[in-house]
Amino acid sequence: MKNEITYYLKKYDLEKYMKPELIDKFFIKRFLKGEMIFSVKEESQSLYFFVEGKIKIYSAFYGDKEVIIEFCKPLQILGEVEYIQNKDINVNVEALTPCIVIGILREDFKKMISGNDRLYELLLRTVTSKLTSTMTHILSYHQKPLEERILNYLKELSQNNKVEKIKYIEMAGFLKVSDRHLRKVLKELDDAKVISKVGKTIHILKWPDNI
């Protein structure tokens, strides 16, 4: 496990942010596709450096309806907002593929970041990057054609150019369109042979150059 942690710290150039005497406080966790990495109202005990896989971050503002916030690939820090606010987890984080994280308990992270300007800077960059990503997503509602936004969404979820068990209501919510409008545009993409839609499975037949 120690070798694996060292491998990921080097891969993402994280060693320079860490105090060498506290490296042994890190641990590896693995999540299968569909497993929850964090859940809303869960007690925040650790921070994770997300190093392998793909995840979905969402909340449930309207009853049990999922409201997707973003999709993420490495490298990301998970649980940093809750650490800063000293609160429980306020979003759901689900593994879309098998995932690996490097974890550290909050009390050990507090020691790691104490007097560590580089790590403070990394934490600040992570938070601001997520804010920028959210703003970019909001602006895309008005700037990008729906067809392009749909294909970007499918790209985030696809494995081998295929998306299975797709939730159309969830997809419509993320894209900020009605379910009816979404299905209309999906049919147009199907007719144009950009995608092949069979029930809850979508095959992407060709990716446009701008996706």
N, C-alpha and C. Protein backbone atom coordinates (compact mmCIF):
# COMPACT_ATOMS: atom_id res chain seq x y z
N MET A 1 0.83 -1.22 0.00
CA MET A 1 0.00 0.00 0.00
C MET A 1 0.86 1.26 0.00
N LYS A 2 1.98 1.21 0.78
CA LYS A 2 2.86 2.38 0.86
C LYS A 2 3.42 2.71 -0.52
N ASN A 3 3.81 1.67 -1.29
CA ASN A 3 4.34 1.89 -2.64
C ASN A 3 3.29 2.50 -3.55
N GLU A 4 2.02 2.07 -3.38
CA GLU A 4 0.94 2.59 -4.20
C GLU A 4 0.68 4.06 -3.89
N ILE A 5 0.74 4.41 -2.62
CA ILE A 5 0.56 5.81 -2.22
C ILE A 5 1.69 6.67 -2.80
N THR A 6 2.92 6.18 -2.69
CA THR A 6 4.07 6.90 -3.24
C THR A 6 3.91 7.09 -4.75
N TYR A 7 3.43 6.05 -5.43
CA TYR A 7 3.22 6.11 -6.88
C TYR A 7 2.26 7.25 -7.25
N TYR A 8 1.12 7.34 -6.55
CA TYR A 8 0.13 8.37 -6.88
C TYR A 8 0.60 9.77 -6.47
N LEU A 9 1.32 9.87 -5.37
CA LEU A 9 1.84 11.17 -4.96
C LEU A 9 2.82 11.70 -6.01
N LYS A 10 3.61 10.79 -6.58
CA LYS A 10 4.56 11.19 -7.63
C LYS A 10 3.83 11.46 -8.94
N LYS A 11 2.85 10.62 -9.26
CA LYS A 11 2.12 10.76 -10.53
C LYS A 11 1.48 12.13 -10.64
N TYR A 12 0.90 12.63 -9.53
CA TYR A 12 0.21 13.92 -9.56
C TYR A 12 1.03 15.04 -8.93
N ASP A 13 2.33 14.77 -8.73
CA ASP A 13 3.25 15.79 -8.21
C ASP A 13 2.75 16.37 -6.88
N LEU A 14 2.29 15.48 -6.00
CA LEU A 14 1.73 15.91 -4.72
C LEU A 14 2.76 15.89 -3.58
N GLU A 15 3.88 15.22 -3.80
CA GLU A 15 4.86 15.08 -2.72
C GLU A 15 5.32 16.42 -2.17
N LYS A 16 5.46 17.40 -3.09
CA LYS A 16 5.98 18.70 -2.67
C LYS A 16 5.04 19.44 -1.72
N TYR A 17 3.76 18.99 -1.65
CA TYR A 17 2.79 19.65 -0.77
C TYR A 17 2.72 18.99 0.61
N MET A 18 3.36 17.85 0.76
CA MET A 18 3.17 17.05 1.96
C MET A 18 4.38 17.11 2.90
N LYS A 19 4.10 17.02 4.19
CA LYS A 19 5.17 16.92 5.17
C LYS A 19 5.64 15.45 5.22
N PRO A 20 6.90 15.18 4.92
CA PRO A 20 7.40 13.80 4.82
C PRO A 20 7.09 12.95 6.05
N GLU A 21 7.14 13.56 7.22
CA GLU A 21 6.93 12.80 8.46
C GLU A 21 5.48 12.36 8.65
N LEU A 22 4.56 12.89 7.80
CA LEU A 22 3.14 12.53 7.92
C LEU A 22 2.63 11.72 6.74
N ILE A 23 3.52 11.36 5.81
CA ILE A 23 3.11 10.59 4.63
C ILE A 23 2.46 9.27 5.04
N ASP A 24 2.97 8.67 6.14
CA ASP A 24 2.44 7.36 6.56
C ASP A 24 1.02 7.45 7.12
N LYS A 25 0.48 8.66 7.22
CA LYS A 25 -0.90 8.83 7.68
C LYS A 25 -1.90 8.63 6.53
N PHE A 26 -1.41 8.59 5.30
CA PHE A 26 -2.29 8.35 4.16
C PHE A 26 -2.69 6.89 4.07
N PHE A 27 -3.85 6.64 3.49
CA PHE A 27 -4.31 5.27 3.24
C PHE A 27 -5.04 5.22 1.90
N ILE A 28 -5.09 4.03 1.33
CA ILE A 28 -5.76 3.81 0.04
C ILE A 28 -7.15 3.24 0.26
N LYS A 29 -8.13 3.77 -0.49
CA LYS A 29 -9.48 3.19 -0.49
C LYS A 29 -9.91 2.97 -1.94
N ARG A 30 -10.62 1.86 -2.15
CA ARG A 30 -11.13 1.53 -3.48
C ARG A 30 -12.65 1.45 -3.45
N PHE A 31 -13.27 1.93 -4.53
CA PHE A 31 -14.73 1.91 -4.64
C PHE A 31 -15.12 1.27 -5.96
N LEU A 32 -16.12 0.41 -5.91
CA LEU A 32 -16.64 -0.21 -7.12
C LEU A 32 -17.62 0.72 -7.81
N LYS A 33 -17.89 0.48 -9.08
CA LYS A 33 -18.88 1.26 -9.82
C LYS A 33 -20.22 1.22 -9.08
N GLY A 34 -20.79 2.39 -8.84
CA GLY A 34 -22.08 2.49 -8.15
C GLY A 34 -21.96 2.67 -6.66
N GLU A 35 -20.78 2.49 -6.08
CA GLU A 35 -20.60 2.69 -4.64
C GLU A 35 -20.56 4.17 -4.31
N MET A 36 -21.04 4.49 -3.11
CA MET A 36 -21.01 5.87 -2.63
C MET A 36 -19.68 6.15 -1.94
N ILE A 37 -19.02 7.19 -2.37
CA ILE A 37 -17.77 7.62 -1.74
C ILE A 37 -18.09 8.53 -0.55
N PHE A 38 -19.04 9.45 -0.74
CA PHE A 38 -19.59 10.28 0.33
C PHE A 38 -21.11 10.31 0.17
N SER A 39 -21.81 10.47 1.27
CA SER A 39 -23.28 10.63 1.24
C SER A 39 -23.67 11.83 2.08
N VAL A 40 -24.73 12.52 1.64
CA VAL A 40 -25.22 13.70 2.35
C VAL A 40 -25.49 13.38 3.82
N LYS A 41 -25.07 14.29 4.70
CA LYS A 41 -25.25 14.21 6.15
C LYS A 41 -24.37 13.17 6.82
N GLU A 42 -23.52 12.50 6.03
CA GLU A 42 -22.53 11.59 6.61
C GLU A 42 -21.51 12.41 7.40
N GLU A 43 -21.05 11.90 8.52
CA GLU A 43 -20.05 12.61 9.30
C GLU A 43 -18.75 12.68 8.50
N SER A 44 -18.21 13.88 8.40
CA SER A 44 -16.99 14.08 7.64
C SER A 44 -15.78 13.73 8.50
N GLN A 45 -15.16 12.59 8.19
CA GLN A 45 -14.03 12.13 8.98
C GLN A 45 -12.70 12.19 8.23
N SER A 46 -12.77 12.17 6.89
CA SER A 46 -11.55 12.11 6.09
C SER A 46 -11.64 13.05 4.89
N LEU A 47 -10.49 13.39 4.36
CA LEU A 47 -10.39 14.03 3.05
C LEU A 47 -9.81 13.01 2.09
N TYR A 48 -10.23 13.06 0.83
CA TYR A 48 -9.74 12.13 -0.17
C TYR A 48 -9.08 12.87 -1.32
N PHE A 49 -7.95 12.35 -1.76
CA PHE A 49 -7.35 12.77 -3.01
C PHE A 49 -7.78 11.74 -4.04
N PHE A 50 -8.65 12.15 -4.94
CA PHE A 50 -9.23 11.26 -5.94
C PHE A 50 -8.23 11.07 -7.07
N VAL A 51 -7.74 9.82 -7.25
CA VAL A 51 -6.61 9.60 -8.16
C VAL A 51 -6.89 8.66 -9.34
N GLU A 52 -7.97 7.87 -9.28
CA GLU A 52 -8.29 6.98 -10.40
C GLU A 52 -9.80 6.86 -10.54
N GLY A 53 -10.30 6.89 -11.80
CA GLY A 53 -11.71 6.64 -12.06
C GLY A 53 -12.48 7.87 -12.52
N LYS A 54 -13.79 7.79 -12.35
CA LYS A 54 -14.69 8.88 -12.72
C LYS A 54 -15.83 8.90 -11.70
N ILE A 55 -16.21 10.09 -11.26
CA ILE A 55 -17.24 10.21 -10.22
C ILE A 55 -18.33 11.20 -10.62
N LYS A 56 -19.46 11.06 -9.95
CA LYS A 56 -20.59 11.98 -10.12
C LYS A 56 -20.87 12.61 -8.76
N ILE A 57 -20.97 13.93 -8.76
CA ILE A 57 -21.30 14.67 -7.53
C ILE A 57 -22.69 15.24 -7.69
N TYR A 58 -23.56 14.92 -6.76
CA TYR A 58 -24.95 15.38 -6.87
C TYR A 58 -25.56 15.58 -5.49
N SER A 59 -26.69 16.26 -5.48
CA SER A 59 -27.43 16.47 -4.24
C SER A 59 -28.88 16.09 -4.49
N ALA A 60 -29.69 16.20 -3.44
CA ALA A 60 -31.11 15.85 -3.56
C ALA A 60 -31.92 16.99 -2.95
N PHE A 61 -32.07 18.05 -3.73
CA PHE A 61 -32.76 19.24 -3.23
C PHE A 61 -34.26 19.07 -3.23
N TYR A 62 -34.79 18.26 -4.15
CA TYR A 62 -36.22 18.12 -4.30
C TYR A 62 -36.65 16.69 -4.00
N GLY A 63 -36.87 16.42 -2.72
CA GLY A 63 -37.23 15.07 -2.33
C GLY A 63 -36.07 14.14 -2.62
N ASP A 64 -36.36 13.05 -3.31
CA ASP A 64 -35.31 12.08 -3.64
C ASP A 64 -34.75 12.30 -5.03
N LYS A 65 -35.17 13.35 -5.72
CA LYS A 65 -34.72 13.60 -7.08
C LYS A 65 -33.26 14.05 -7.07
N GLU A 66 -32.44 13.39 -7.88
CA GLU A 66 -31.03 13.74 -7.97
C GLU A 66 -30.84 15.03 -8.77
N VAL A 67 -30.01 15.91 -8.25
CA VAL A 67 -29.63 17.12 -8.97
C VAL A 67 -28.11 17.06 -9.15
N ILE A 68 -27.67 16.75 -10.36
CA ILE A 68 -26.23 16.59 -10.61
C ILE A 68 -25.53 17.94 -10.55
N ILE A 69 -24.44 17.98 -9.84
CA ILE A 69 -23.64 19.20 -9.73
C ILE A 69 -22.51 19.16 -10.77
N GLU A 70 -21.79 18.05 -10.82
CA GLU A 70 -20.73 17.92 -11.81
C GLU A 70 -20.23 16.48 -11.89
N PHE A 71 -19.51 16.21 -12.98
CA PHE A 71 -18.77 14.96 -13.13
C PHE A 71 -17.30 15.30 -12.95
N CYS A 72 -16.53 14.38 -12.38
CA CYS A 72 -15.12 14.68 -12.12
C CYS A 72 -14.22 13.51 -12.47
N LYS A 73 -13.04 13.87 -12.93
CA LYS A 73 -11.95 12.92 -13.13
C LYS A 73 -10.78 13.41 -12.27
N PRO A 74 -9.77 12.55 -12.05
CA PRO A 74 -8.61 12.97 -11.25
C PRO A 74 -7.89 14.16 -11.90
N LEU A 75 -7.19 14.97 -11.15
CA LEU A 75 -7.05 14.88 -9.72
C LEU A 75 -8.06 15.82 -9.07
N GLN A 76 -8.70 15.37 -7.99
CA GLN A 76 -9.60 16.22 -7.24
C GLN A 76 -9.40 15.95 -5.75
N ILE A 77 -9.68 16.96 -4.94
CA ILE A 77 -9.74 16.76 -3.49
C ILE A 77 -11.21 16.70 -3.11
N LEU A 78 -11.61 15.68 -2.38
CA LEU A 78 -12.99 15.50 -1.96
C LEU A 78 -13.09 15.68 -0.45
N GLY A 79 -14.09 16.47 -0.03
CA GLY A 79 -14.29 16.71 1.41
C GLY A 79 -13.59 17.95 1.90
N GLU A 80 -13.01 18.73 0.98
CA GLU A 80 -12.26 19.93 1.40
C GLU A 80 -13.18 21.05 1.87
N VAL A 81 -14.36 21.17 1.25
CA VAL A 81 -15.29 22.23 1.67
C VAL A 81 -15.81 21.93 3.08
N GLU A 82 -16.13 20.67 3.32
CA GLU A 82 -16.61 20.28 4.66
C GLU A 82 -15.51 20.48 5.70
N TYR A 83 -14.26 20.25 5.30
CA TYR A 83 -13.14 20.48 6.22
C TYR A 83 -13.04 21.97 6.57
N ILE A 84 -13.13 22.81 5.56
CA ILE A 84 -13.03 24.26 5.79
C ILE A 84 -14.18 24.75 6.65
N GLN A 85 -15.39 24.25 6.38
CA GLN A 85 -16.58 24.68 7.12
C GLN A 85 -16.78 23.94 8.43
N ASN A 86 -16.02 22.85 8.62
CA ASN A 86 -16.17 21.99 9.80
C ASN A 86 -17.61 21.48 9.92
N LYS A 87 -18.12 20.95 8.80
CA LYS A 87 -19.49 20.45 8.76
C LYS A 87 -19.52 19.03 8.19
N ASP A 88 -20.69 18.39 8.30
CA ASP A 88 -20.86 17.07 7.72
C ASP A 88 -20.91 17.17 6.20
N ILE A 89 -20.84 16.03 5.53
CA ILE A 89 -20.87 15.98 4.07
C ILE A 89 -22.17 16.59 3.56
N ASN A 90 -22.09 17.47 2.55
CA ASN A 90 -23.30 18.14 2.05
C ASN A 90 -23.65 17.79 0.60
N VAL A 91 -22.91 16.82 0.02
CA VAL A 91 -23.24 16.33 -1.33
C VAL A 91 -23.05 14.82 -1.36
N ASN A 92 -23.63 14.18 -2.37
CA ASN A 92 -23.39 12.77 -2.62
C ASN A 92 -22.29 12.64 -3.67
N VAL A 93 -21.38 11.71 -3.45
CA VAL A 93 -20.31 11.43 -4.42
C VAL A 93 -20.36 9.95 -4.74
N GLU A 94 -20.64 9.64 -6.01
CA GLU A 94 -20.82 8.25 -6.44
C GLU A 94 -19.77 7.86 -7.47
N ALA A 95 -19.24 6.65 -7.35
CA ALA A 95 -18.27 6.14 -8.32
C ALA A 95 -19.00 5.70 -9.59
N LEU A 96 -18.65 6.31 -10.71
CA LEU A 96 -19.23 5.91 -12.00
C LEU A 96 -18.44 4.77 -12.64
N THR A 97 -17.19 4.62 -12.21
CA THR A 97 -16.32 3.53 -12.62
C THR A 97 -15.59 3.08 -11.36
N PRO A 98 -14.85 1.97 -11.40
CA PRO A 98 -13.99 1.65 -10.25
C PRO A 98 -13.07 2.83 -9.95
N CYS A 99 -12.99 3.21 -8.68
CA CYS A 99 -12.25 4.41 -8.29
C CYS A 99 -11.25 4.11 -7.17
N ILE A 100 -10.19 4.91 -7.15
CA ILE A 100 -9.20 4.84 -6.08
C ILE A 100 -9.00 6.24 -5.51
N VAL A 101 -8.96 6.32 -4.18
CA VAL A 101 -8.66 7.59 -3.51
C VAL A 101 -7.54 7.35 -2.50
N ILE A 102 -6.77 8.41 -2.25
CA ILE A 102 -5.83 8.42 -1.13
C ILE A 102 -6.50 9.21 -0.02
N GLY A 103 -6.70 8.58 1.11
CA GLY A 103 -7.40 9.23 2.21
C GLY A 103 -6.48 9.65 3.33
N ILE A 104 -6.95 10.63 4.09
CA ILE A 104 -6.24 11.05 5.30
C ILE A 104 -7.30 11.57 6.28
N LEU A 105 -7.19 11.16 7.53
CA LEU A 105 -8.14 11.61 8.55
C LEU A 105 -8.04 13.12 8.74
N ARG A 106 -9.16 13.73 9.09
CA ARG A 106 -9.19 15.19 9.22
C ARG A 106 -8.16 15.70 10.23
N GLU A 107 -8.02 14.99 11.35
CA GLU A 107 -7.08 15.46 12.37
C GLU A 107 -5.63 15.37 11.86
N ASP A 108 -5.35 14.38 11.02
CA ASP A 108 -4.01 14.27 10.44
C ASP A 108 -3.80 15.31 9.34
N PHE A 109 -4.87 15.60 8.59
CA PHE A 109 -4.76 16.64 7.56
C PHE A 109 -4.52 18.00 8.21
N LYS A 110 -5.14 18.21 9.34
CA LYS A 110 -4.94 19.48 10.06
C LYS A 110 -3.47 19.66 10.42
N LYS A 111 -2.80 18.57 10.83
CA LYS A 111 -1.37 18.63 11.13
C LYS A 111 -0.57 18.84 9.85
N MET A 112 -1.03 18.19 8.77
CA MET A 112 -0.33 18.29 7.49
C MET A 112 -0.37 19.72 6.94
N ILE A 113 -1.49 20.39 7.12
CA ILE A 113 -1.66 21.72 6.51
C ILE A 113 -1.18 22.85 7.42
N SER A 114 -0.97 22.55 8.70
CA SER A 114 -0.53 23.57 9.65
C SER A 114 0.84 24.13 9.25
N GLY A 115 0.88 25.43 8.98
CA GLY A 115 2.13 26.08 8.58
C GLY A 115 2.62 25.68 7.20
N ASN A 116 1.74 25.03 6.42
CA ASN A 116 2.12 24.50 5.10
C ASN A 116 1.45 25.35 4.01
N ASP A 117 2.14 26.41 3.60
CA ASP A 117 1.56 27.35 2.65
C ASP A 117 1.25 26.70 1.30
N ARG A 118 2.09 25.78 0.89
CA ARG A 118 1.87 25.11 -0.40
C ARG A 118 0.56 24.31 -0.40
N LEU A 119 0.31 23.61 0.68
CA LEU A 119 -0.91 22.82 0.75
C LEU A 119 -2.14 23.72 0.87
N TYR A 120 -2.01 24.83 1.59
CA TYR A 120 -3.10 25.82 1.64
C TYR A 120 -3.42 26.32 0.23
N GLU A 121 -2.37 26.59 -0.54
CA GLU A 121 -2.56 27.08 -1.90
C GLU A 121 -3.26 26.04 -2.77
N LEU A 122 -2.87 24.75 -2.62
CA LEU A 122 -3.51 23.68 -3.37
C LEU A 122 -4.99 23.56 -3.01
N LEU A 123 -5.30 23.69 -1.72
CA LEU A 123 -6.69 23.62 -1.25
C LEU A 123 -7.50 24.77 -1.84
N LEU A 124 -6.90 25.97 -1.85
CA LEU A 124 -7.57 27.15 -2.39
C LEU A 124 -7.81 26.98 -3.89
N ARG A 125 -6.83 26.47 -4.61
CA ARG A 125 -6.98 26.25 -6.05
C ARG A 125 -8.08 25.24 -6.34
N THR A 126 -8.19 24.22 -5.50
CA THR A 126 -9.22 23.20 -5.69
C THR A 126 -10.61 23.80 -5.55
N VAL A 127 -10.81 24.60 -4.51
CA VAL A 127 -12.13 25.22 -4.27
C VAL A 127 -12.48 26.19 -5.39
N THR A 128 -11.53 27.03 -5.79
CA THR A 128 -11.81 28.01 -6.84
C THR A 128 -12.03 27.33 -8.19
N SER A 129 -11.33 26.21 -8.43
CA SER A 129 -11.51 25.47 -9.67
C SER A 129 -12.92 24.90 -9.76
N LYS A 130 -13.44 24.43 -8.64
CA LYS A 130 -14.80 23.89 -8.64
C LYS A 130 -15.82 25.00 -8.86
N LEU A 131 -15.58 26.17 -8.31
CA LEU A 131 -16.48 27.30 -8.54
C LEU A 131 -16.46 27.72 -10.01
N THR A 132 -15.26 27.75 -10.59
CA THR A 132 -15.13 28.10 -12.00
C THR A 132 -15.84 27.08 -12.89
N SER A 133 -15.69 25.80 -12.54
CA SER A 133 -16.35 24.73 -13.30
C SER A 133 -17.86 24.88 -13.26
N THR A 134 -18.38 25.21 -12.08
CA THR A 134 -19.83 25.40 -11.92
C THR A 134 -20.30 26.58 -12.76
N MET A 135 -19.55 27.68 -12.74
CA MET A 135 -19.92 28.86 -13.52
C MET A 135 -19.89 28.55 -15.02
N THR A 136 -18.88 27.80 -15.46
CA THR A 136 -18.78 27.41 -16.87
C THR A 136 -19.98 26.58 -17.28
N HIS A 137 -20.39 25.68 -16.41
CA HIS A 137 -21.56 24.84 -16.69
C HIS A 137 -22.82 25.68 -16.80
N ILE A 138 -22.98 26.65 -15.90
CA ILE A 138 -24.16 27.52 -15.93
C ILE A 138 -24.19 28.34 -17.22
N LEU A 139 -23.03 28.89 -17.61
CA LEU A 139 -22.96 29.70 -18.82
C LEU A 139 -23.24 28.88 -20.08
N SER A 140 -22.90 27.59 -20.03
CA SER A 140 -23.09 26.74 -21.21
C SER A 140 -24.56 26.56 -21.53
N TYR A 141 -25.46 26.76 -20.54
CA TYR A 141 -26.90 26.66 -20.81
C TYR A 141 -27.29 27.63 -21.93
N HIS A 142 -26.63 28.79 -21.94
CA HIS A 142 -27.02 29.86 -22.85
C HIS A 142 -26.12 29.94 -24.09
N GLN A 143 -24.92 29.38 -24.01
CA GLN A 143 -23.94 29.58 -25.07
C GLN A 143 -23.80 28.40 -26.02
N LYS A 144 -24.11 27.18 -25.56
CA LYS A 144 -23.90 26.01 -26.39
C LYS A 144 -25.22 25.41 -26.85
N PRO A 145 -25.28 24.92 -28.08
CA PRO A 145 -26.50 24.24 -28.55
C PRO A 145 -26.79 23.02 -27.69
N LEU A 146 -28.07 22.68 -27.56
CA LEU A 146 -28.46 21.55 -26.73
C LEU A 146 -27.82 20.25 -27.24
N GLU A 147 -27.71 20.09 -28.55
CA GLU A 147 -27.10 18.87 -29.10
C GLU A 147 -25.68 18.68 -28.57
N GLU A 148 -24.92 19.76 -28.51
CA GLU A 148 -23.54 19.69 -28.02
C GLU A 148 -23.51 19.37 -26.53
N ARG A 149 -24.42 19.99 -25.77
CA ARG A 149 -24.47 19.73 -24.32
C ARG A 149 -24.86 18.29 -24.04
N ILE A 150 -25.78 17.74 -24.84
CA ILE A 150 -26.19 16.35 -24.68
C ILE A 150 -25.00 15.42 -24.91
N LEU A 151 -24.25 15.67 -25.98
CA LEU A 151 -23.12 14.81 -26.31
C LEU A 151 -22.00 14.93 -25.27
N ASN A 152 -21.81 16.12 -24.73
CA ASN A 152 -20.83 16.29 -23.64
C ASN A 152 -21.25 15.49 -22.41
N TYR A 153 -22.54 15.52 -22.13
CA TYR A 153 -23.08 14.75 -20.99
C TYR A 153 -22.84 13.26 -21.21
N LEU A 154 -23.16 12.77 -22.40
CA LEU A 154 -22.98 11.35 -22.71
C LEU A 154 -21.50 10.96 -22.65
N LYS A 155 -20.64 11.88 -23.06
CA LYS A 155 -19.20 11.59 -23.03
C LYS A 155 -18.73 11.36 -21.60
N GLU A 156 -19.28 12.13 -20.66
CA GLU A 156 -18.89 11.98 -19.25
C GLU A 156 -19.29 10.60 -18.72
N LEU A 157 -20.41 10.08 -19.18
CA LEU A 157 -20.93 8.82 -18.66
C LEU A 157 -20.51 7.59 -19.46
N SER A 158 -20.01 7.80 -20.68
CA SER A 158 -19.81 6.68 -21.59
C SER A 158 -18.60 5.82 -21.22
N GLN A 159 -18.76 4.54 -21.50
CA GLN A 159 -17.66 3.59 -21.46
C GLN A 159 -17.71 2.81 -22.76
N ASN A 160 -16.61 2.84 -23.50
CA ASN A 160 -16.57 2.22 -24.82
C ASN A 160 -17.69 2.73 -25.72
N ASN A 161 -17.90 4.06 -25.66
CA ASN A 161 -18.91 4.73 -26.50
C ASN A 161 -20.33 4.22 -26.26
N LYS A 162 -20.60 3.83 -25.02
CA LYS A 162 -21.93 3.34 -24.68
C LYS A 162 -22.31 3.81 -23.28
N VAL A 163 -23.58 4.23 -23.14
CA VAL A 163 -24.11 4.61 -21.83
C VAL A 163 -25.31 3.71 -21.55
N GLU A 164 -25.24 2.99 -20.43
CA GLU A 164 -26.32 2.07 -20.07
C GLU A 164 -27.12 2.61 -18.88
N LYS A 165 -28.36 2.16 -18.79
CA LYS A 165 -29.24 2.51 -17.66
C LYS A 165 -29.31 4.01 -17.46
N ILE A 166 -29.40 4.74 -18.55
CA ILE A 166 -29.42 6.19 -18.46
C ILE A 166 -30.74 6.67 -17.86
N LYS A 167 -30.65 7.69 -17.02
CA LYS A 167 -31.83 8.27 -16.37
C LYS A 167 -32.19 9.56 -17.11
N TYR A 168 -33.23 9.51 -17.92
CA TYR A 168 -33.56 10.65 -18.77
C TYR A 168 -34.03 11.87 -17.97
N ILE A 169 -34.76 11.64 -16.89
CA ILE A 169 -35.21 12.77 -16.06
C ILE A 169 -34.02 13.45 -15.41
N GLU A 170 -33.07 12.65 -14.93
CA GLU A 170 -31.85 13.20 -14.33
C GLU A 170 -31.05 13.98 -15.37
N MET A 171 -30.98 13.42 -16.56
CA MET A 171 -30.26 14.06 -17.66
C MET A 171 -30.89 15.40 -18.02
N ALA A 172 -32.22 15.42 -18.12
CA ALA A 172 -32.93 16.65 -18.44
C ALA A 172 -32.70 17.71 -17.35
N GLY A 173 -32.68 17.27 -16.10
CA GLY A 173 -32.44 18.21 -15.00
C GLY A 173 -31.06 18.83 -15.09
N PHE A 174 -30.05 18.02 -15.40
CA PHE A 174 -28.69 18.53 -15.50
C PHE A 174 -28.55 19.51 -16.65
N LEU A 175 -29.25 19.21 -17.76
CA LEU A 175 -29.15 20.06 -18.95
C LEU A 175 -30.12 21.24 -18.92
N LYS A 176 -30.96 21.27 -17.89
CA LYS A 176 -31.93 22.36 -17.70
C LYS A 176 -32.90 22.48 -18.88
N VAL A 177 -33.43 21.32 -19.30
CA VAL A 177 -34.45 21.29 -20.34
C VAL A 177 -35.57 20.35 -19.89
N SER A 178 -36.70 20.43 -20.56
CA SER A 178 -37.80 19.52 -20.22
C SER A 178 -37.48 18.12 -20.74
N ASP A 179 -38.07 17.13 -20.10
CA ASP A 179 -37.88 15.75 -20.53
C ASP A 179 -38.36 15.56 -21.98
N ARG A 180 -39.46 16.23 -22.31
CA ARG A 180 -40.02 16.12 -23.67
C ARG A 180 -39.06 16.68 -24.71
N HIS A 181 -38.49 17.86 -24.41
CA HIS A 181 -37.54 18.48 -25.35
C HIS A 181 -36.29 17.62 -25.50
N LEU A 182 -35.81 17.07 -24.38
CA LEU A 182 -34.63 16.22 -24.42
C LEU A 182 -34.86 15.02 -25.35
N ARG A 183 -35.99 14.36 -25.17
CA ARG A 183 -36.27 13.18 -25.99
C ARG A 183 -36.41 13.53 -27.47
N LYS A 184 -36.93 14.72 -27.74
CA LYS A 184 -37.06 15.17 -29.13
C LYS A 184 -35.68 15.32 -29.78
N VAL A 185 -34.75 15.95 -29.06
CA VAL A 185 -33.41 16.17 -29.61
C VAL A 185 -32.65 14.85 -29.68
N LEU A 186 -32.85 13.96 -28.73
CA LEU A 186 -32.22 12.64 -28.79
C LEU A 186 -32.68 11.88 -30.04
N LYS A 187 -33.98 12.01 -30.36
CA LYS A 187 -34.50 11.35 -31.55
C LYS A 187 -33.85 11.93 -32.82
N GLU A 188 -33.64 13.25 -32.81
CA GLU A 188 -33.00 13.89 -33.96
C GLU A 188 -31.56 13.38 -34.12
N LEU A 189 -30.86 13.22 -33.00
CA LEU A 189 -29.49 12.70 -33.05
C LEU A 189 -29.48 11.24 -33.50
N ASP A 190 -30.51 10.50 -33.08
CA ASP A 190 -30.66 9.11 -33.50
C ASP A 190 -30.93 9.04 -35.02
N ASP A 191 -31.84 9.88 -35.49
CA ASP A 191 -32.16 9.90 -36.92
C ASP A 191 -30.96 10.30 -37.77
N ALA A 192 -30.11 11.17 -37.19
CA ALA A 192 -28.90 11.63 -37.91
C ALA A 192 -27.75 10.64 -37.78
N LYS A 193 -28.01 9.53 -37.06
CA LYS A 193 -27.02 8.47 -36.85
C LYS A 193 -25.77 8.96 -36.12
N VAL A 194 -25.99 9.94 -35.24
CA VAL A 194 -24.91 10.36 -34.33
C VAL A 194 -24.91 9.43 -33.13
N ILE A 195 -26.11 9.03 -32.70
CA ILE A 195 -26.28 8.06 -31.62
C ILE A 195 -27.24 6.97 -32.07
N SER A 196 -27.26 5.87 -31.33
CA SER A 196 -28.27 4.83 -31.51
C SER A 196 -28.91 4.59 -30.15
N LYS A 197 -30.18 4.90 -30.03
CA LYS A 197 -30.88 4.85 -28.75
C LYS A 197 -31.81 3.63 -28.72
N VAL A 198 -31.58 2.75 -27.75
CA VAL A 198 -32.42 1.56 -27.56
C VAL A 198 -32.81 1.50 -26.09
N GLY A 199 -34.04 1.90 -25.79
CA GLY A 199 -34.48 1.90 -24.40
C GLY A 199 -33.65 2.83 -23.55
N LYS A 200 -33.02 2.29 -22.51
CA LYS A 200 -32.20 3.09 -21.60
C LYS A 200 -30.71 2.98 -21.93
N THR A 201 -30.41 2.49 -23.13
CA THR A 201 -29.01 2.40 -23.57
C THR A 201 -28.80 3.28 -24.80
N ILE A 202 -27.72 4.05 -24.76
CA ILE A 202 -27.37 4.91 -25.90
C ILE A 202 -25.96 4.55 -26.37
N HIS A 203 -25.83 4.24 -27.66
CA HIS A 203 -24.53 4.02 -28.28
C HIS A 203 -24.16 5.30 -29.04
N ILE A 204 -22.95 5.78 -28.81
CA ILE A 204 -22.49 6.95 -29.55
C ILE A 204 -21.78 6.45 -30.80
N LEU A 205 -22.33 6.76 -31.96
CA LEU A 205 -21.81 6.24 -33.23
C LEU A 205 -20.69 7.11 -33.77
N LYS A 206 -20.74 8.40 -33.51
CA LYS A 206 -19.66 9.29 -33.94
C LYS A 206 -19.63 10.52 -33.05
N TRP A 207 -18.43 10.92 -32.68
CA TRP A 207 -18.24 12.11 -31.86
C TRP A 207 -17.92 13.29 -32.78
N PRO A 208 -18.67 14.37 -32.69
CA PRO A 208 -18.32 15.59 -33.45
C PRO A 208 -16.94 16.09 -33.03
N ASP A 209 -16.29 16.83 -33.89
CA ASP A 209 -14.93 17.31 -33.63
C ASP A 209 -14.84 18.22 -32.40
N ASN A 210 -15.96 18.91 -32.09
CA ASN A 210 -15.92 19.88 -30.98
C ASN A 210 -16.27 19.25 -29.64
N ILE A 211 -16.44 17.93 -29.56
CA ILE A 211 -16.78 17.27 -28.30
C ILE A 211 -15.52 16.63 -27.70
